[in-house]
Amino acid sequence: MKITGSPVSTVSVGAARVDVSASSDAAPGAAAAGAPAALQSEVLKPAAEALRAMPDFDAARVAELRDLLARGELPFDPARLAGLIQKFHGGR
């Protein structure tokens, strides 16, 4: 079976329904950057701006945790970690 055409998704934003399909020739991530104006509500703008202002990760905190772990000052239980991973992923 051959599936043709581009997928179309519609979401409800308040009482309005918005088409959020991305064209196939758009660059990855372009759909989010060019989101319809209805999705850019005044309520979400402060949260979106704060999220954009945050770094991808806290490099200083990662270095601190790495040092604590290397010195043995940060407890690490591999069995507990494995159990949490299994629980999160449903035992797959």
PDB file of N, CA and C in Angstrom:
ATOM      1  N   MET A   1       0.845  -1.168   0.000  1.00  0.00           N
ATOM      2  CA  MET A   1       0.000   0.000   0.000  1.00  0.00           C
ATOM      3  C   MET A   1       0.892   1.233   0.000  1.00  0.00           C
ATOM      4  N   LYS A   2       0.598   2.181  -0.854  1.00  0.00           N
ATOM      5  CA  LYS A   2       1.372   3.405  -0.946  1.00  0.00           C
ATOM      6  C   LYS A   2       0.565   4.544  -0.355  1.00  0.00           C
ATOM      7  N   ILE A   3       1.206   5.312   0.503  1.00  0.00           N
ATOM      8  CA  ILE A   3       0.543   6.457   1.117  1.00  0.00           C
ATOM      9  C   ILE A   3       1.117   7.699   0.463  1.00  0.00           C
ATOM     10  N   THR A   4       0.245   8.530  -0.067  1.00  0.00           N
ATOM     11  CA  THR A   4       0.700   9.737  -0.741  1.00  0.00           C
ATOM     12  C   THR A   4       0.165  10.959  -0.021  1.00  0.00           C
ATOM     13  N   GLY A   5       0.735  12.087  -0.343  1.00  0.00           N
ATOM     14  CA  GLY A   5       0.292  13.336   0.261  1.00  0.00           C
ATOM     15  C   GLY A   5       1.021  13.603   1.557  1.00  0.00           C
ATOM     16  N   SER A   6       0.785  14.757   2.116  1.00  0.00           N
ATOM     17  CA  SER A   6       1.433  15.113   3.377  1.00  0.00           C
ATOM     18  C   SER A   6       0.434  14.965   4.509  1.00  0.00           C
ATOM     19  N   PRO A   7       0.923  14.536   5.672  1.00  0.00           N
ATOM     20  CA  PRO A   7       0.020  14.388   6.803  1.00  0.00           C
ATOM     21  C   PRO A   7      -0.480  15.748   7.257  1.00  0.00           C
ATOM     22  N   VAL A   8      -1.707  15.788   7.704  1.00  0.00           N
ATOM     23  CA  VAL A   8      -2.312  17.018   8.189  1.00  0.00           C
ATOM     24  C   VAL A   8      -2.789  16.768   9.604  1.00  0.00           C
ATOM     25  N   SER A   9      -2.413  17.644  10.495  1.00  0.00           N
ATOM     26  CA  SER A   9      -2.873  17.558  11.868  1.00  0.00           C
ATOM     27  C   SER A   9      -3.633  18.816  12.204  1.00  0.00           C
ATOM     28  N   THR A  10      -4.663  18.653  12.988  1.00  0.00           N
ATOM     29  CA  THR A  10      -5.440  19.784  13.448  1.00  0.00           C
ATOM     30  C   THR A  10      -5.529  19.696  14.954  1.00  0.00           C
ATOM     31  N   VAL A  11      -5.286  20.797  15.611  1.00  0.00           N
ATOM     32  CA  VAL A  11      -5.412  20.842  17.062  1.00  0.00           C
ATOM     33  C   VAL A  11      -6.416  21.910  17.434  1.00  0.00           C
ATOM     34  N   SER A  12      -7.015  21.740  18.591  1.00  0.00           N
ATOM     35  CA  SER A  12      -7.947  22.746  19.085  1.00  0.00           C
ATOM     36  C   SER A  12      -7.203  23.703  19.991  1.00  0.00           C
ATOM     37  N   VAL A  13      -7.334  24.982  19.728  1.00  0.00           N
ATOM     38  CA  VAL A  13      -6.763  26.022  20.565  1.00  0.00           C
ATOM     39  C   VAL A  13      -7.933  26.886  21.001  1.00  0.00           C
ATOM     40  N   GLY A  14      -8.380  26.658  22.228  1.00  0.00           N
ATOM     41  CA  GLY A  14      -9.594  27.327  22.668  1.00  0.00           C
ATOM     42  C   GLY A  14     -10.745  26.790  21.839  1.00  0.00           C
ATOM     43  N   ALA A  15     -11.522  27.682  21.230  1.00  0.00           N
ATOM     44  CA  ALA A  15     -12.638  27.262  20.393  1.00  0.00           C
ATOM     45  C   ALA A  15     -12.213  27.093  18.940  1.00  0.00           C
ATOM     46  N   ALA A  16     -11.007  27.537  18.607  1.00  0.00           N
ATOM     47  CA  ALA A  16     -10.550  27.485  17.218  1.00  0.00           C
ATOM     48  C   ALA A  16      -9.810  26.190  16.936  1.00  0.00           C
ATOM     49  N   ARG A  17      -9.927  25.696  15.703  1.00  0.00           N
ATOM     50  CA  ARG A  17      -9.159  24.536  15.262  1.00  0.00           C
ATOM     51  C   ARG A  17      -8.088  25.059  14.326  1.00  0.00           C
ATOM     52  N   VAL A  18      -6.862  24.608  14.539  1.00  0.00           N
ATOM     53  CA  VAL A  18      -5.719  25.131  13.790  1.00  0.00           C
ATOM     54  C   VAL A  18      -5.029  23.996  13.066  1.00  0.00           C
ATOM     55  N   ASP A  19      -4.740  24.196  11.777  1.00  0.00           N
ATOM     56  CA  ASP A  19      -3.987  23.229  10.981  1.00  0.00           C
ATOM     57  C   ASP A  19      -2.512  23.426  11.310  1.00  0.00           C
ATOM     58  N   VAL A  20      -1.837  22.350  11.776  1.00  0.00           N
ATOM     59  CA  VAL A  20      -0.425  22.455  12.148  1.00  0.00           C
ATOM     60  C   VAL A  20       0.447  21.586  11.272  1.00  0.00           C
ATOM     61  N   SER A  21      -0.003  21.304  10.063  1.00  0.00           N
ATOM     62  CA  SER A  21       0.814  20.484   9.165  1.00  0.00           C
ATOM     63  C   SER A  21       1.987  21.301   8.674  1.00  0.00           C
ATOM     64  N   ALA A  22       3.131  20.614   8.484  1.00  0.00           N
ATOM     65  CA  ALA A  22       4.338  21.269   7.968  1.00  0.00           C
ATOM     66  C   ALA A  22       4.548  20.814   6.546  1.00  0.00           C
ATOM     67  N   SER A  23       5.003  21.721   5.678  1.00  0.00           N
ATOM     68  CA  SER A  23       5.254  21.318   4.301  1.00  0.00           C
ATOM     69  C   SER A  23       6.493  20.447   4.258  1.00  0.00           C
ATOM     70  N   SER A  24       6.540  19.534   3.290  1.00  0.00           N
ATOM     71  CA  SER A  24       7.642  18.584   3.210  1.00  0.00           C
ATOM     72  C   SER A  24       8.953  19.238   2.813  1.00  0.00           C
ATOM     73  N   ASP A  25       8.890  20.446   2.228  1.00  0.00           N
ATOM     74  CA  ASP A  25      10.123  21.103   1.826  1.00  0.00           C
ATOM     75  C   ASP A  25      10.663  22.039   2.902  1.00  0.00           C
ATOM     76  N   ALA A  26      10.014  22.084   4.043  1.00  0.00           N
ATOM     77  CA  ALA A  26      10.473  22.947   5.134  1.00  0.00           C
ATOM     78  C   ALA A  26      11.666  22.310   5.823  1.00  0.00           C
ATOM     79  N   ALA A  27      12.527  23.150   6.329  1.00  0.00           N
ATOM     80  CA  ALA A  27      13.697  22.664   7.069  1.00  0.00           C
ATOM     81  C   ALA A  27      13.241  22.098   8.402  1.00  0.00           C
ATOM     82  N   PRO A  28      13.984  21.143   8.968  1.00  0.00           N
ATOM     83  CA  PRO A  28      13.619  20.616  10.274  1.00  0.00           C
ATOM     84  C   PRO A  28      13.522  21.740  11.295  1.00  0.00           C
ATOM     85  N   GLY A  29      12.455  21.717  12.084  1.00  0.00           N
ATOM     86  CA  GLY A  29      12.253  22.742  13.092  1.00  0.00           C
ATOM     87  C   GLY A  29      11.530  23.962  12.565  1.00  0.00           C
ATOM     88  N   ALA A  30      11.325  24.034  11.247  1.00  0.00           N
ATOM     89  CA  ALA A  30      10.673  25.202  10.682  1.00  0.00           C
ATOM     90  C   ALA A  30       9.212  25.274  11.077  1.00  0.00           C
ATOM     91  N   ALA A  31       8.561  24.140  11.288  1.00  0.00           N
ATOM     92  CA  ALA A  31       7.157  24.147  11.665  1.00  0.00           C
ATOM     93  C   ALA A  31       6.966  24.847  13.000  1.00  0.00           C
ATOM     94  N   ALA A  32       7.864  24.624  13.941  1.00  0.00           N
ATOM     95  CA  ALA A  32       7.739  25.263  15.245  1.00  0.00           C
ATOM     96  C   ALA A  32       8.014  26.752  15.136  1.00  0.00           C
ATOM     97  N   ALA A  33       9.011  27.115  14.338  1.00  0.00           N
ATOM     98  CA  ALA A  33       9.370  28.520  14.211  1.00  0.00           C
ATOM     99  C   ALA A  33       8.284  29.292  13.482  1.00  0.00           C
ATOM    100  N   GLY A  34       7.626  28.668  12.522  1.00  0.00           N
ATOM    101  CA  GLY A  34       6.593  29.338  11.758  1.00  0.00           C
ATOM    102  C   GLY A  34       5.207  28.911  12.181  1.00  0.00           C
ATOM    103  N   ALA A  35       5.017  28.641  13.459  1.00  0.00           N
ATOM    104  CA  ALA A  35       3.729  28.172  13.962  1.00  0.00           C
ATOM    105  C   ALA A  35       2.660  29.217  13.690  1.00  0.00           C
ATOM    106  N   PRO A  36       1.432  28.754  13.465  1.00  0.00           N
ATOM    107  CA  PRO A  36       0.333  29.684  13.224  1.00  0.00           C
ATOM    108  C   PRO A  36       0.178  30.655  14.389  1.00  0.00           C
ATOM    109  N   ALA A  37      -0.276  31.861  14.067  1.00  0.00           N
ATOM    110  CA  ALA A  37      -0.418  32.899  15.081  1.00  0.00           C
ATOM    111  C   ALA A  37      -1.333  32.467  16.219  1.00  0.00           C
ATOM    112  N   ALA A  38      -2.328  31.630  15.926  1.00  0.00           N
ATOM    113  CA  ALA A  38      -3.251  31.191  16.966  1.00  0.00           C
ATOM    114  C   ALA A  38      -2.535  30.404  18.051  1.00  0.00           C
ATOM    115  N   LEU A  39      -1.435  29.728  17.695  1.00  0.00           N
ATOM    116  CA  LEU A  39      -0.696  28.958  18.689  1.00  0.00           C
ATOM    117  C   LEU A  39       0.238  29.841  19.508  1.00  0.00           C
ATOM    118  N   GLN A  40       0.470  31.042  19.071  1.00  0.00           N
ATOM    119  CA  GLN A  40       1.348  31.966  19.784  1.00  0.00           C
ATOM    120  C   GLN A  40       0.511  32.865  20.690  1.00  0.00           C
ATOM    121  N   SER A  41      -0.239  32.252  21.590  1.00  0.00           N
ATOM    122  CA  SER A  41      -1.127  33.030  22.452  1.00  0.00           C
ATOM    123  C   SER A  41      -0.332  33.876  23.420  1.00  0.00           C
ATOM    124  N   GLU A  42      -0.950  34.900  23.903  1.00  0.00           N
ATOM    125  CA  GLU A  42      -0.310  35.796  24.870  1.00  0.00           C
ATOM    126  C   GLU A  42       0.024  35.055  26.152  1.00  0.00           C
ATOM    127  N   VAL A  43      -0.708  34.016  26.468  1.00  0.00           N
ATOM    128  CA  VAL A  43      -0.465  33.249  27.688  1.00  0.00           C
ATOM    129  C   VAL A  43       0.834  32.454  27.566  1.00  0.00           C
ATOM    130  N   LEU A  44       1.114  31.908  26.391  1.00  0.00           N
ATOM    131  CA  LEU A  44       2.289  31.063  26.198  1.00  0.00           C
ATOM    132  C   LEU A  44       3.565  31.846  25.888  1.00  0.00           C
ATOM    133  N   LYS A  45       3.455  33.079  25.453  1.00  0.00           N
ATOM    134  CA  LYS A  45       4.642  33.840  25.055  1.00  0.00           C
ATOM    135  C   LYS A  45       5.677  33.977  26.169  1.00  0.00           C
ATOM    136  N   PRO A  46       5.309  34.337  27.415  1.00  0.00           N
ATOM    137  CA  PRO A  46       6.338  34.446  28.458  1.00  0.00           C
ATOM    138  C   PRO A  46       7.055  33.116  28.714  1.00  0.00           C
ATOM    139  N   ALA A  47       6.309  32.032  28.714  1.00  0.00           N
ATOM    140  CA  ALA A  47       6.930  30.716  28.935  1.00  0.00           C
ATOM    141  C   ALA A  47       7.856  30.364  27.779  1.00  0.00           C
ATOM    142  N   ALA A  48       7.449  30.631  26.565  1.00  0.00           N
ATOM    143  CA  ALA A  48       8.273  30.329  25.395  1.00  0.00           C
ATOM    144  C   ALA A  48       9.542  31.167  25.405  1.00  0.00           C
ATOM    145  N   GLU A  49       9.433  32.445  25.796  1.00  0.00           N
ATOM    146  CA  GLU A  49      10.611  33.299  25.859  1.00  0.00           C
ATOM    147  C   GLU A  49      11.574  32.827  26.938  1.00  0.00           C
ATOM    148  N   ALA A  50      11.045  32.431  28.098  1.00  0.00           N
ATOM    149  CA  ALA A  50      11.897  31.928  29.187  1.00  0.00           C
ATOM    150  C   ALA A  50      12.600  30.646  28.760  1.00  0.00           C
ATOM    151  N   LEU A  51      11.889  29.780  28.055  1.00  0.00           N
ATOM    152  CA  LEU A  51      12.477  28.527  27.582  1.00  0.00           C
ATOM    153  C   LEU A  51      13.588  28.790  26.570  1.00  0.00           C
ATOM    154  N   ARG A  52      13.365  29.730  25.660  1.00  0.00           N
ATOM    155  CA  ARG A  52      14.405  30.080  24.676  1.00  0.00           C
ATOM    156  C   ARG A  52      15.632  30.682  25.343  1.00  0.00           C
ATOM    157  N   ALA A  53      15.446  31.389  26.461  1.00  0.00           N
ATOM    158  CA  ALA A  53      16.555  32.039  27.158  1.00  0.00           C
ATOM    159  C   ALA A  53      17.399  31.045  27.952  1.00  0.00           C
ATOM    160  N   MET A  54      16.840  29.871  28.250  1.00  0.00           N
ATOM    161  CA  MET A  54      17.566  28.879  29.034  1.00  0.00           C
ATOM    162  C   MET A  54      18.601  28.163  28.170  1.00  0.00           C
ATOM    163  N   PRO A  55      19.751  27.814  28.774  1.00  0.00           N
ATOM    164  CA  PRO A  55      20.731  27.030  28.017  1.00  0.00           C
ATOM    165  C   PRO A  55      20.212  25.608  27.804  1.00  0.00           C
ATOM    166  N   ASP A  56      20.786  24.906  26.835  1.00  0.00           N
ATOM    167  CA  ASP A  56      20.365  23.535  26.576  1.00  0.00           C
ATOM    168  C   ASP A  56      20.557  22.665  27.807  1.00  0.00           C
ATOM    169  N   PHE A  57      21.639  22.903  28.546  1.00  0.00           N
ATOM    170  CA  PHE A  57      21.879  22.205  29.806  1.00  0.00           C
ATOM    171  C   PHE A  57      22.773  23.084  30.665  1.00  0.00           C
ATOM    172  N   ASP A  58      22.803  22.796  31.949  1.00  0.00           N
ATOM    173  CA  ASP A  58      23.596  23.564  32.898  1.00  0.00           C
ATOM    174  C   ASP A  58      24.981  22.931  33.000  1.00  0.00           C
ATOM    175  N   ALA A  59      25.925  23.430  32.210  1.00  0.00           N
ATOM    176  CA  ALA A  59      27.264  22.846  32.141  1.00  0.00           C
ATOM    177  C   ALA A  59      27.956  22.872  33.501  1.00  0.00           C
ATOM    178  N   ALA A  60      27.754  23.931  34.274  1.00  0.00           N
ATOM    179  CA  ALA A  60      28.392  24.016  35.589  1.00  0.00           C
ATOM    180  C   ALA A  60      27.859  22.932  36.519  1.00  0.00           C
ATOM    181  N   ARG A  61      26.554  22.689  36.474  1.00  0.00           N
ATOM    182  CA  ARG A  61      25.961  21.657  37.331  1.00  0.00           C
ATOM    183  C   ARG A  61      26.425  20.267  36.900  1.00  0.00           C
ATOM    184  N   VAL A  62      26.533  20.039  35.608  1.00  0.00           N
ATOM    185  CA  VAL A  62      27.016  18.748  35.101  1.00  0.00           C
ATOM    186  C   VAL A  62      28.445  18.507  35.582  1.00  0.00           C
ATOM    187  N   ALA A  63      29.287  19.521  35.499  1.00  0.00           N
ATOM    188  CA  ALA A  63      30.672  19.388  35.959  1.00  0.00           C
ATOM    189  C   ALA A  63      30.728  19.122  37.454  1.00  0.00           C
ATOM    190  N   GLU A  64      29.886  19.817  38.213  1.00  0.00           N
ATOM    191  CA  GLU A  64      29.832  19.612  39.667  1.00  0.00           C
ATOM    192  C   GLU A  64      29.432  18.180  40.002  1.00  0.00           C
ATOM    193  N   LEU A  65      28.389  17.682  39.348  1.00  0.00           N
ATOM    194  CA  LEU A  65      27.936  16.313  39.602  1.00  0.00           C
ATOM    195  C   LEU A  65      28.983  15.298  39.170  1.00  0.00           C
ATOM    196  N   ARG A  66      29.672  15.551  38.056  1.00  0.00           N
ATOM    197  CA  ARG A  66      30.719  14.651  37.576  1.00  0.00           C
ATOM    198  C   ARG A  66      31.850  14.563  38.602  1.00  0.00           C
ATOM    199  N   ASP A  67      32.234  15.717  39.167  1.00  0.00           N
ATOM    200  CA  ASP A  67      33.294  15.740  40.169  1.00  0.00           C
ATOM    201  C   ASP A  67      32.873  15.012  41.447  1.00  0.00           C
ATOM    202  N   LEU A  68      31.642  15.252  41.900  1.00  0.00           N
ATOM    203  CA  LEU A  68      31.143  14.566  43.094  1.00  0.00           C
ATOM    204  C   LEU A  68      31.122  13.057  42.888  1.00  0.00           C
ATOM    205  N   LEU A  69      30.689  12.628  41.728  1.00  0.00           N
ATOM    206  CA  LEU A  69      30.627  11.203  41.417  1.00  0.00           C
ATOM    207  C   LEU A  69      32.035  10.603  41.378  1.00  0.00           C
ATOM    208  N   ALA A  70      32.974  11.312  40.775  1.00  0.00           N
ATOM    209  CA  ALA A  70      34.355  10.827  40.673  1.00  0.00           C
ATOM    210  C   ALA A  70      35.007  10.701  42.052  1.00  0.00           C
ATOM    211  N   ARG A  71      34.658  11.616  42.961  1.00  0.00           N
ATOM    212  CA  ARG A  71      35.221  11.573  44.309  1.00  0.00           C
ATOM    213  C   ARG A  71      34.470  10.606  45.223  1.00  0.00           C
ATOM    214  N   GLY A  72      33.396  10.003  44.724  1.00  0.00           N
ATOM    215  CA  GLY A  72      32.616   9.074  45.540  1.00  0.00           C
ATOM    216  C   GLY A  72      31.708   9.762  46.533  1.00  0.00           C
ATOM    217  N   GLU A  73      31.462  11.048  46.344  1.00  0.00           N
ATOM    218  CA  GLU A  73      30.616  11.815  47.254  1.00  0.00           C
ATOM    219  C   GLU A  73      29.158  11.862  46.802  1.00  0.00           C
ATOM    220  N   LEU A  74      28.890  11.317  45.655  1.00  0.00           N
ATOM    221  CA  LEU A  74      27.526  11.262  45.139  1.00  0.00           C
ATOM    222  C   LEU A  74      27.143   9.798  45.033  1.00  0.00           C
ATOM    223  N   PRO A  75      26.187   9.364  45.847  1.00  0.00           N
ATOM    224  CA  PRO A  75      25.839   7.947  45.812  1.00  0.00           C
ATOM    225  C   PRO A  75      25.250   7.558  44.452  1.00  0.00           C
ATOM    226  N   PHE A  76      25.635   6.393  44.000  1.00  0.00           N
ATOM    227  CA  PHE A  76      25.135   5.884  42.718  1.00  0.00           C
ATOM    228  C   PHE A  76      24.766   4.422  42.900  1.00  0.00           C
ATOM    229  N   ASP A  77      23.526   4.111  42.608  1.00  0.00           N
ATOM    230  CA  ASP A  77      23.024   2.746  42.742  1.00  0.00           C
ATOM    231  C   ASP A  77      22.601   2.266  41.358  1.00  0.00           C
ATOM    232  N   PRO A  78      23.471   1.507  40.666  1.00  0.00           N
ATOM    233  CA  PRO A  78      23.141   1.079  39.302  1.00  0.00           C
ATOM    234  C   PRO A  78      21.888   0.211  39.243  1.00  0.00           C
ATOM    235  N   ALA A  79      21.621  -0.580  40.268  1.00  0.00           N
ATOM    236  CA  ALA A  79      20.408  -1.407  40.268  1.00  0.00           C
ATOM    237  C   ALA A  79      19.165  -0.531  40.328  1.00  0.00           C
ATOM    238  N   ARG A  80      19.223   0.524  41.132  1.00  0.00           N
ATOM    239  CA  ARG A  80      18.076   1.444  41.218  1.00  0.00           C
ATOM    240  C   ARG A  80      17.870   2.159  39.885  1.00  0.00           C
ATOM    241  N   LEU A  81      18.960   2.602  39.274  1.00  0.00           N
ATOM    242  CA  LEU A  81      18.872   3.262  37.970  1.00  0.00           C
ATOM    243  C   LEU A  81      18.258   2.323  36.931  1.00  0.00           C
ATOM    244  N   ALA A  82      18.725   1.079  36.917  1.00  0.00           N
ATOM    245  CA  ALA A  82      18.181   0.101  35.971  1.00  0.00           C
ATOM    246  C   ALA A  82      16.688  -0.105  36.209  1.00  0.00           C
ATOM    247  N   GLY A  83      16.285  -0.178  37.466  1.00  0.00           N
ATOM    248  CA  GLY A  83      14.866  -0.338  37.785  1.00  0.00           C
ATOM    249  C   GLY A  83      14.034   0.842  37.339  1.00  0.00           C
ATOM    250  N   LEU A  84      14.557   2.047  37.529  1.00  0.00           N
ATOM    251  CA  LEU A  84      13.837   3.235  37.101  1.00  0.00           C
ATOM    252  C   LEU A  84      13.717   3.310  35.582  1.00  0.00           C
ATOM    253  N   ILE A  85      14.782   2.939  34.887  1.00  0.00           N
ATOM    254  CA  ILE A  85      14.735   2.924  33.422  1.00  0.00           C
ATOM    255  C   ILE A  85      13.702   1.903  32.947  1.00  0.00           C
ATOM    256  N   GLN A  86      13.719   0.727  33.567  1.00  0.00           N
ATOM    257  CA  GLN A  86      12.766  -0.316  33.190  1.00  0.00           C
ATOM    258  C   GLN A  86      11.336   0.138  33.479  1.00  0.00           C
ATOM    259  N   LYS A  87      11.118   0.785  34.609  1.00  0.00           N
ATOM    260  CA  LYS A  87       9.788   1.266  34.960  1.00  0.00           C
ATOM    261  C   LYS A  87       9.321   2.330  33.972  1.00  0.00           C
ATOM    262  N   PHE A  88      10.219   3.261  33.647  1.00  0.00           N
ATOM    263  CA  PHE A  88       9.869   4.344  32.722  1.00  0.00           C
ATOM    264  C   PHE A  88       9.531   3.829  31.341  1.00  0.00           C
ATOM    265  N   HIS A  89      10.301   2.859  30.865  1.00  0.00           N
ATOM    266  CA  HIS A  89      10.110   2.343  29.510  1.00  0.00           C
ATOM    267  C   HIS A  89       9.178   1.134  29.472  1.00  0.00           C
ATOM    268  N   GLY A  90       8.549   0.812  30.569  1.00  0.00           N
ATOM    269  CA  GLY A  90       7.551  -0.236  30.576  1.00  0.00           C
ATOM    270  C   GLY A  90       8.107  -1.639  30.464  1.00  0.00           C
ATOM    271  N   GLY A  91       9.335  -1.855  30.868  1.00  0.00           N
ATOM    272  CA  GLY A  91       9.889  -3.196  30.851  1.00  0.00           C
ATOM    273  C   GLY A  91      10.210  -3.738  29.475  1.00  0.00           C
ATOM    274  N   ARG A  92      10.351  -2.848  28.509  1.00  0.00           N
ATOM    275  CA  ARG A  92      10.676  -3.292  27.144  1.00  0.00           C
ATOM    276  C   ARG A  92      12.091  -3.754  27.041  1.00  0.00           C
TER     277      ARG A  92
END
